[in-house]
């Protein structure tokens, strides 16, 4: 009889979410760069994309803090 697949631990789930957020952050960065480089994006669109990118950065930092335990020196 085969055993059921193991459940992912909470830290593993956080790492998967972190990887997805980092990928989204990179995608936004590339989109912003392309719009600025080609000059095809209007200022409002670029500002909104930058705001989304900043929000993703904050989420990434929060997840990294949850994954990495604090070390008290």
N, C-alpha and C. Protein backbone atom coordinates (compact mmCIF):
# COMPACT_ATOMS: atom_id res chain seq x y z
N UNK A 1 0.83 -1.17 0.00
CA UNK A 1 0.00 0.00 0.00
C UNK A 1 0.89 1.25 0.00
N UNK A 2 0.51 2.27 -0.79
CA UNK A 2 1.32 3.48 -0.85
C UNK A 2 0.90 4.43 0.25
N UNK A 3 1.86 5.21 0.70
CA UNK A 3 1.56 6.19 1.75
C UNK A 3 1.07 7.47 1.11
N UNK A 4 0.21 8.19 1.81
CA UNK A 4 -0.26 9.47 1.26
C UNK A 4 0.88 10.48 1.22
N UNK A 5 0.82 11.42 0.27
CA UNK A 5 1.89 12.42 0.22
C UNK A 5 1.93 13.21 1.51
N UNK A 6 3.13 13.57 1.91
CA UNK A 6 3.29 14.32 3.15
C UNK A 6 2.72 15.73 2.98
N UNK A 7 2.22 16.24 4.08
CA UNK A 7 1.72 17.61 4.06
C UNK A 7 2.90 18.56 4.05
N UNK A 8 2.70 19.67 3.39
CA UNK A 8 3.75 20.68 3.39
C UNK A 8 3.73 21.37 4.75
N UNK A 9 4.90 21.63 5.26
CA UNK A 9 5.00 22.35 6.52
C UNK A 9 4.72 23.82 6.27
N UNK A 10 4.39 24.52 7.33
CA UNK A 10 4.04 25.94 7.21
C UNK A 10 5.17 26.73 6.57
N UNK A 11 6.40 26.45 6.95
CA UNK A 11 7.54 27.18 6.39
C UNK A 11 7.67 26.92 4.89
N UNK A 12 7.36 25.69 4.46
CA UNK A 12 7.43 25.37 3.04
C UNK A 12 6.36 26.14 2.25
N UNK A 13 5.19 26.24 2.83
CA UNK A 13 4.11 27.01 2.18
C UNK A 13 4.53 28.47 2.06
N UNK A 14 5.13 29.01 3.10
CA UNK A 14 5.59 30.40 3.06
C UNK A 14 6.67 30.59 2.00
N UNK A 15 7.54 29.61 1.86
CA UNK A 15 8.59 29.71 0.84
C UNK A 15 8.00 29.70 -0.58
N UNK A 16 6.97 28.90 -0.78
CA UNK A 16 6.31 28.87 -2.10
C UNK A 16 5.64 30.22 -2.37
N UNK A 17 4.96 30.77 -1.37
CA UNK A 17 4.33 32.08 -1.53
C UNK A 17 5.39 33.15 -1.79
N UNK A 18 6.51 33.04 -1.08
CA UNK A 18 7.59 34.00 -1.25
C UNK A 18 8.14 33.95 -2.68
N UNK A 19 8.33 32.76 -3.20
CA UNK A 19 8.83 32.62 -4.58
C UNK A 19 7.84 33.23 -5.58
N UNK A 20 6.56 33.02 -5.34
CA UNK A 20 5.54 33.58 -6.25
C UNK A 20 5.54 35.11 -6.19
N UNK A 21 5.67 35.66 -4.99
CA UNK A 21 5.70 37.12 -4.84
C UNK A 21 6.95 37.71 -5.51
N UNK A 22 8.08 37.03 -5.35
CA UNK A 22 9.31 37.52 -5.98
C UNK A 22 9.19 37.48 -7.49
N UNK A 23 8.54 36.46 -8.02
CA UNK A 23 8.34 36.36 -9.46
C UNK A 23 7.44 37.50 -9.95
N UNK A 24 6.36 37.76 -9.22
CA UNK A 24 5.47 38.87 -9.58
C UNK A 24 6.21 40.20 -9.51
N UNK A 25 7.06 40.36 -8.51
CA UNK A 25 7.84 41.60 -8.34
C UNK A 25 8.77 41.80 -9.54
N UNK A 26 9.45 40.71 -9.96
CA UNK A 26 10.33 40.79 -11.13
C UNK A 26 9.55 41.14 -12.39
N UNK A 27 8.38 40.52 -12.55
CA UNK A 27 7.54 40.79 -13.73
C UNK A 27 7.13 42.26 -13.78
N UNK A 28 6.72 42.79 -12.64
CA UNK A 28 6.34 44.21 -12.59
C UNK A 28 7.54 45.10 -12.92
N UNK A 29 8.69 44.74 -12.38
CA UNK A 29 9.90 45.52 -12.64
C UNK A 29 10.21 45.55 -14.13
N UNK A 30 10.10 44.41 -14.78
CA UNK A 30 10.35 44.34 -16.22
C UNK A 30 9.32 45.15 -17.01
N UNK A 31 8.05 45.08 -16.59
CA UNK A 31 7.00 45.83 -17.27
C UNK A 31 7.22 47.33 -17.13
N UNK A 32 7.59 47.77 -15.93
CA UNK A 32 7.85 49.19 -15.70
C UNK A 32 9.03 49.64 -16.55
N UNK A 33 10.08 48.85 -16.54
CA UNK A 33 11.27 49.20 -17.32
C UNK A 33 10.93 49.29 -18.81
N UNK A 34 10.16 48.36 -19.31
CA UNK A 34 9.79 48.36 -20.73
C UNK A 34 8.95 49.59 -21.07
N UNK A 35 7.99 49.92 -20.21
CA UNK A 35 7.15 51.09 -20.48
C UNK A 35 7.96 52.38 -20.44
N UNK A 36 8.89 52.47 -19.49
CA UNK A 36 9.71 53.67 -19.39
C UNK A 36 10.70 53.76 -20.56
N UNK A 37 11.26 52.63 -20.93
CA UNK A 37 12.26 52.61 -22.00
C UNK A 37 11.64 52.94 -23.36
N UNK A 38 10.48 52.38 -23.64
CA UNK A 38 9.82 52.61 -24.92
C UNK A 38 9.07 53.94 -24.95
N UNK A 39 8.76 54.46 -23.77
CA UNK A 39 8.03 55.72 -23.71
C UNK A 39 6.57 55.56 -24.06
N UNK A 40 6.06 54.32 -23.99
CA UNK A 40 4.67 54.08 -24.37
C UNK A 40 3.72 54.14 -23.18
N UNK A 41 4.24 54.12 -21.98
CA UNK A 41 3.37 54.12 -20.80
C UNK A 41 3.10 55.52 -20.32
N UNK A 42 1.86 55.76 -19.92
CA UNK A 42 1.56 57.07 -19.36
C UNK A 42 2.00 57.09 -17.90
N UNK A 43 2.18 58.28 -17.37
CA UNK A 43 2.73 58.45 -16.02
C UNK A 43 1.85 57.78 -14.96
N UNK A 44 0.53 57.84 -15.14
CA UNK A 44 -0.38 57.25 -14.16
C UNK A 44 -0.24 55.73 -14.11
N UNK A 45 -0.15 55.10 -15.25
CA UNK A 45 0.02 53.64 -15.31
C UNK A 45 1.33 53.23 -14.66
N UNK A 46 2.40 53.93 -14.99
CA UNK A 46 3.71 53.61 -14.42
C UNK A 46 3.69 53.81 -12.91
N UNK A 47 3.05 54.87 -12.44
CA UNK A 47 2.96 55.12 -11.00
C UNK A 47 2.19 54.01 -10.30
N UNK A 48 1.10 53.54 -10.91
CA UNK A 48 0.32 52.45 -10.32
C UNK A 48 1.13 51.16 -10.26
N UNK A 49 1.86 50.87 -11.32
CA UNK A 49 2.70 49.67 -11.34
C UNK A 49 3.79 49.75 -10.27
N UNK A 50 4.37 50.92 -10.11
CA UNK A 50 5.40 51.10 -9.09
C UNK A 50 4.82 50.93 -7.69
N UNK A 51 3.59 51.39 -7.50
CA UNK A 51 2.93 51.24 -6.20
C UNK A 51 2.66 49.77 -5.92
N UNK A 52 2.22 49.02 -6.94
CA UNK A 52 2.01 47.58 -6.79
C UNK A 52 3.32 46.87 -6.46
N UNK A 53 4.38 47.29 -7.14
CA UNK A 53 5.69 46.69 -6.91
C UNK A 53 6.16 46.95 -5.48
N UNK A 54 5.93 48.13 -4.98
CA UNK A 54 6.30 48.46 -3.60
C UNK A 54 5.49 47.65 -2.61
N UNK A 55 4.21 47.45 -2.88
CA UNK A 55 3.37 46.63 -2.00
C UNK A 55 3.88 45.19 -1.99
N UNK A 56 4.28 44.68 -3.15
CA UNK A 56 4.84 43.33 -3.21
C UNK A 56 6.14 43.24 -2.41
N UNK A 57 6.95 44.29 -2.50
CA UNK A 57 8.20 44.31 -1.75
C UNK A 57 7.93 44.23 -0.25
N UNK A 58 6.92 44.95 0.21
CA UNK A 58 6.55 44.90 1.62
C UNK A 58 6.07 43.51 2.02
N UNK A 59 5.28 42.87 1.16
CA UNK A 59 4.81 41.51 1.44
C UNK A 59 5.97 40.52 1.48
N UNK A 60 6.92 40.71 0.57
CA UNK A 60 8.10 39.85 0.53
C UNK A 60 8.89 39.99 1.82
N UNK A 61 9.10 41.23 2.26
CA UNK A 61 9.86 41.46 3.49
C UNK A 61 9.14 40.82 4.69
N UNK A 62 7.82 40.94 4.73
CA UNK A 62 7.06 40.36 5.84
C UNK A 62 7.18 38.84 5.86
N UNK A 63 7.09 38.22 4.69
CA UNK A 63 7.23 36.76 4.62
C UNK A 63 8.65 36.31 4.99
N UNK A 64 9.63 37.05 4.52
CA UNK A 64 11.01 36.70 4.86
C UNK A 64 11.23 36.78 6.37
N UNK A 65 10.61 37.78 7.01
CA UNK A 65 10.71 37.90 8.47
C UNK A 65 10.06 36.72 9.16
N UNK A 66 8.96 36.23 8.61
CA UNK A 66 8.27 35.08 9.21
C UNK A 66 9.08 33.79 9.04
N UNK A 67 9.77 33.68 7.91
CA UNK A 67 10.54 32.47 7.63
C UNK A 67 11.83 32.44 8.44
N UNK A 68 12.52 33.58 8.48
CA UNK A 68 13.80 33.66 9.16
C UNK A 68 13.56 34.10 10.61
N UNK A 69 13.93 33.26 11.57
CA UNK A 69 13.73 33.65 12.96
C UNK A 69 14.65 34.77 13.37
N UNK A 70 14.17 35.58 14.30
CA UNK A 70 14.99 36.67 14.83
C UNK A 70 16.13 36.09 15.66
N UNK A 71 17.29 36.67 15.51
CA UNK A 71 18.44 36.25 16.31
C UNK A 71 18.78 37.40 17.25
N UNK A 72 18.68 37.12 18.51
CA UNK A 72 18.97 38.13 19.50
C UNK A 72 20.44 38.03 19.85
N UNK A 73 21.16 39.13 19.61
CA UNK A 73 22.61 39.12 19.86
C UNK A 73 22.92 39.60 21.25
